[in-house]
Amino acid sequence: MKVSRFCHIGDALIAAGRASIARAGMALAPSLGIPALPRFSMTAIERVAAFMHEHSLTLVTAESCTAGLIAATLADVPGAGALLDCAFVVYSPDAKCRCLGVSARTLARHNLTSEAVAREMALGAARKSPALVAISNTGVTDSIDSEIPAGTQCFAWVFKSGGADAAPAVYSETRRFSGSRNGIREASARYALVRLTEYFDERRGAPGRR
């Protein structure tokens, strides 16, 4: 056990030494005529998290095809505990009805991969959560439906002005992604989060429904 502790201390000292050398190198670089290394910029999801912190936004997700990846992608950013309320993973049609109140009539009239279903999923999640923003996703990654091309993803975003907002702003859209099954799901999760900031800004400029 002592050896293990000393190893950890040694690793920490080495890491600290390397960091000091790196900082010194960056400071000396200009005087030596060497261009300084660029600092790492925030990722797109880190920018989303910073935006949510800045505007005091919290999120609930209602996910079918992404199966929790929207919430998990945001949770990768430190401090996400202050941004995430909960996530509903509703893969089956029955779960969409039972957990989120999607109507059987909507399911019968529209394909599961539809904006109509995505909207009801997001609105259902928004009703069940105090979060100010709800995001939903439903779609297909494979050619399992002759009417829906593989990679088709439907999204909805709901923005509330308060926990009990009876008339929230709702946006929805359909996009098609290419790649592997998991690649499509991951791209969909990132897209859903990035669009949150854009629709929030749009709503502030022109509240309403799209």
Protein backbone atom coordinates (compact mmCIF):
# COMPACT_ATOMS: atom_id res chain seq x y z
CA MET A 1 0.00 0.00 0.00
CA LYS A 2 2.85 2.41 0.81
CA VAL A 3 4.48 1.67 -2.51
CA SER A 4 1.21 2.47 -4.27
CA ARG A 5 0.94 5.79 -2.42
CA PHE A 6 4.51 6.74 -3.27
CA CYS A 7 3.85 5.87 -6.92
CA HIS A 8 0.86 8.20 -6.97
CA ILE A 9 2.91 10.97 -5.34
CA GLY A 10 5.71 10.42 -7.82
CA ASP A 11 3.30 10.55 -10.74
CA ALA A 12 1.82 13.78 -9.40
CA LEU A 13 5.26 15.36 -9.03
CA ILE A 14 6.22 14.33 -12.55
CA ALA A 15 2.97 15.75 -13.94
CA ALA A 16 3.49 19.00 -12.02
CA GLY A 17 7.05 19.23 -13.29
CA ARG A 18 5.95 18.72 -16.86
CA ALA A 19 3.28 21.38 -16.48
CA SER A 20 5.84 23.85 -15.09
CA ILE A 21 8.20 23.13 -17.96
CA ALA A 22 5.39 23.61 -20.45
CA ARG A 23 4.41 26.94 -18.89
CA ALA A 24 8.02 28.08 -18.88
CA GLY A 25 8.40 27.06 -22.51
CA MET A 26 5.30 29.03 -23.49
CA ALA A 27 6.64 32.08 -21.64
CA LEU A 28 10.08 31.84 -23.23
CA ALA A 29 8.91 31.03 -26.74
CA PRO A 30 8.24 34.61 -27.89
CA SER A 31 11.62 35.88 -26.62
CA LEU A 32 13.35 33.07 -28.51
CA GLY A 33 11.47 33.83 -31.69
CA ILE A 34 9.43 30.63 -31.42
CA PRO A 35 5.64 30.88 -31.92
CA ALA A 36 3.77 30.03 -28.71
CA LEU A 37 1.61 26.92 -28.79
CA PRO A 38 -2.10 27.73 -29.16
CA ARG A 39 -4.29 27.23 -26.10
CA PHE A 40 -7.01 24.62 -26.33
CA SER A 41 -10.40 26.13 -27.13
CA MET A 42 -13.68 24.93 -25.70
CA THR A 43 -15.49 22.16 -27.51
CA ALA A 44 -18.96 22.76 -28.94
CA ILE A 45 -20.56 20.94 -26.00
CA GLU A 46 -18.49 22.88 -23.47
CA ARG A 47 -19.78 26.06 -25.10
CA VAL A 48 -23.33 24.76 -24.75
CA ALA A 49 -22.73 24.08 -21.05
CA ALA A 50 -21.25 27.54 -20.54
CA PHE A 51 -24.25 29.05 -22.33
CA MET A 52 -26.63 27.13 -20.08
CA HIS A 53 -24.78 28.26 -16.95
CA GLU A 54 -24.85 31.87 -18.18
CA HIS A 55 -28.61 31.79 -18.78
CA SER A 56 -29.49 29.58 -15.77
CA LEU A 57 -30.96 26.86 -17.99
CA THR A 58 -31.68 23.33 -16.87
CA LEU A 59 -32.44 20.38 -19.15
CA VAL A 60 -34.68 17.35 -19.30
CA THR A 61 -34.40 14.97 -22.26
CA ALA A 62 -36.84 12.54 -23.86
CA GLU A 63 -34.82 10.14 -25.97
CA SER A 64 -35.65 7.24 -28.23
CA CYS A 65 -32.96 6.59 -30.85
CA THR A 66 -30.24 8.40 -28.88
CA ALA A 67 -31.18 6.34 -25.79
CA GLY A 68 -29.80 8.79 -23.24
CA LEU A 69 -26.84 10.07 -25.26
CA ILE A 70 -28.04 13.68 -25.26
CA ALA A 71 -28.00 13.76 -21.47
CA ALA A 72 -24.78 11.71 -21.30
CA THR A 73 -23.00 14.02 -23.75
CA LEU A 74 -23.80 17.05 -21.62
CA ALA A 75 -22.85 15.11 -18.48
CA ASP A 76 -19.33 14.68 -19.88
CA VAL A 77 -18.72 18.37 -19.13
CA PRO A 78 -17.65 19.19 -15.55
CA GLY A 79 -20.39 21.03 -13.67
CA ALA A 80 -23.20 19.38 -15.62
CA GLY A 81 -24.89 18.43 -12.37
CA ALA A 82 -26.22 21.98 -12.19
CA LEU A 83 -27.63 21.72 -15.72
CA LEU A 84 -29.30 18.30 -15.94
CA ASP A 85 -32.56 17.42 -14.22
CA CYS A 86 -33.32 13.99 -15.68
CA ALA A 87 -33.57 11.94 -18.84
CA PHE A 88 -36.41 9.77 -20.13
CA VAL A 89 -35.28 6.92 -22.37
CA VAL A 90 -38.44 5.77 -24.14
CA TYR A 91 -37.55 3.30 -26.84
CA SER A 92 -40.85 1.53 -27.36
CA PRO A 93 -44.12 3.12 -28.51
CA ASP A 94 -45.76 1.98 -25.26
CA ALA A 95 -43.08 3.72 -23.19
CA LYS A 96 -43.61 6.94 -25.12
CA CYS A 97 -47.30 6.83 -24.22
CA ARG A 98 -46.90 5.56 -20.66
CA CYS A 99 -44.00 7.77 -19.54
CA LEU A 100 -44.50 10.94 -21.57
CA GLY A 101 -48.16 10.97 -22.53
CA VAL A 102 -47.66 10.70 -26.29
CA SER A 103 -51.12 10.07 -27.65
CA ALA A 104 -52.00 6.82 -29.36
CA ARG A 105 -53.73 8.90 -32.05
CA THR A 106 -50.48 10.71 -32.86
CA LEU A 107 -48.65 7.41 -33.09
CA ALA A 108 -51.35 6.00 -35.37
CA ARG A 109 -51.41 9.02 -37.70
CA HIS A 110 -47.67 9.64 -37.86
CA ASN A 111 -44.60 7.49 -38.16
CA LEU A 112 -42.61 6.99 -34.96
CA THR A 113 -39.87 8.94 -36.74
CA SER A 114 -41.83 12.16 -37.04
CA GLU A 115 -41.77 15.67 -35.68
CA ALA A 116 -45.29 15.21 -34.34
CA VAL A 117 -44.09 12.43 -32.05
CA ALA A 118 -40.93 14.35 -31.14
CA ARG A 119 -43.01 17.36 -30.11
CA GLU A 120 -45.30 15.33 -27.85
CA MET A 121 -42.28 13.62 -26.31
CA ALA A 122 -40.63 16.95 -25.50
CA LEU A 123 -43.84 18.47 -24.17
CA GLY A 124 -44.45 15.41 -22.01
CA ALA A 125 -40.96 15.62 -20.53
CA ALA A 126 -41.38 19.36 -19.94
CA ARG A 127 -44.61 18.77 -18.00
CA LYS A 128 -42.94 16.20 -15.75
CA SER A 129 -39.81 18.23 -14.98
CA PRO A 130 -39.06 21.66 -13.49
CA ALA A 131 -36.29 22.06 -16.09
CA LEU A 132 -36.65 25.09 -18.33
CA VAL A 133 -35.59 23.25 -21.50
CA ALA A 134 -36.70 19.89 -22.87
CA ILE A 135 -35.10 18.13 -25.84
CA SER A 136 -36.50 15.06 -27.56
CA ASN A 137 -35.20 12.72 -30.24
CA THR A 138 -36.73 9.91 -32.24
CA GLY A 139 -35.36 8.34 -35.39
CA VAL A 140 -33.79 5.44 -37.24
CA THR A 141 -30.17 4.57 -37.91
CA ASP A 142 -30.76 1.61 -40.21
CA SER A 143 -32.96 0.82 -43.19
CA ILE A 144 -35.76 -0.71 -41.14
CA ASP A 145 -38.57 1.37 -42.65
CA SER A 146 -39.15 1.60 -46.38
CA GLU A 147 -40.67 5.06 -45.92
CA ILE A 148 -37.92 6.53 -43.74
CA PRO A 149 -34.31 6.76 -45.02
CA ALA A 150 -31.62 5.42 -42.70
CA GLY A 151 -30.12 8.14 -40.53
CA THR A 152 -33.32 10.22 -40.32
CA GLN A 153 -33.64 11.91 -36.93
CA CYS A 154 -36.50 14.05 -35.61
CA PHE A 155 -35.99 16.53 -32.78
CA ALA A 156 -38.04 18.90 -30.67
CA TRP A 157 -37.01 21.62 -28.24
CA VAL A 158 -39.32 23.09 -25.61
CA PHE A 159 -38.48 26.31 -23.77
CA LYS A 160 -40.36 27.36 -20.65
CA SER A 161 -40.20 30.77 -19.01
CA GLY A 162 -40.88 29.10 -15.65
CA GLY A 163 -41.46 25.72 -14.09
CA ALA A 164 -45.24 25.91 -14.67
CA ASP A 165 -45.27 27.63 -18.08
CA ALA A 166 -48.57 26.69 -19.72
CA ALA A 167 -47.57 27.99 -23.15
CA PRO A 168 -43.95 27.09 -23.81
CA ALA A 169 -42.17 27.75 -27.10
CA VAL A 170 -41.79 24.59 -29.19
CA TYR A 171 -39.43 24.02 -32.10
CA SER A 172 -38.92 20.89 -34.16
CA GLU A 173 -36.96 19.75 -37.17
CA THR A 174 -35.83 16.68 -39.08
CA ARG A 175 -32.26 15.98 -40.11
CA ARG A 176 -30.50 13.06 -41.76
CA PHE A 177 -27.07 11.88 -40.66
CA SER A 178 -24.74 9.38 -42.32
CA GLY A 179 -22.28 6.91 -40.86
CA SER A 180 -22.40 3.93 -38.55
CA ARG A 181 -25.28 3.24 -36.20
CA ASN A 182 -23.50 4.67 -33.18
CA GLY A 183 -21.95 7.46 -35.23
CA ILE A 184 -25.42 8.64 -36.21
CA ARG A 185 -26.62 8.49 -32.61
CA GLU A 186 -23.62 10.44 -31.33
CA ALA A 187 -23.95 13.08 -34.05
CA SER A 188 -27.65 13.41 -33.25
CA ALA A 189 -26.95 13.97 -29.56
CA ARG A 190 -24.40 16.69 -30.26
CA TYR A 191 -26.69 18.34 -32.80
CA ALA A 192 -29.58 18.43 -30.35
CA LEU A 193 -27.46 20.21 -27.74
CA VAL A 194 -25.89 22.73 -30.12
CA ARG A 195 -29.29 23.69 -31.51
CA LEU A 196 -30.50 24.41 -27.96
CA THR A 197 -28.45 27.61 -27.87
CA GLU A 198 -29.57 28.71 -31.33
CA TYR A 199 -33.26 28.20 -30.64
CA PHE A 200 -32.95 29.90 -27.26
CA ASP A 201 -31.52 32.99 -28.95
CA GLU A 202 -34.20 32.82 -31.64
CA ARG A 203 -36.92 32.59 -29.01
CA ARG A 204 -35.66 35.68 -27.23
CA GLY A 205 -35.81 37.57 -30.50
CA ALA A 206 -39.16 36.22 -31.70
CA PRO A 207 -41.04 34.03 -29.19
CA GLY A 208 -43.38 31.49 -30.68
CA ARG A 209 -43.75 28.17 -32.36
CA ARG A 210 -41.85 26.84 -35.37
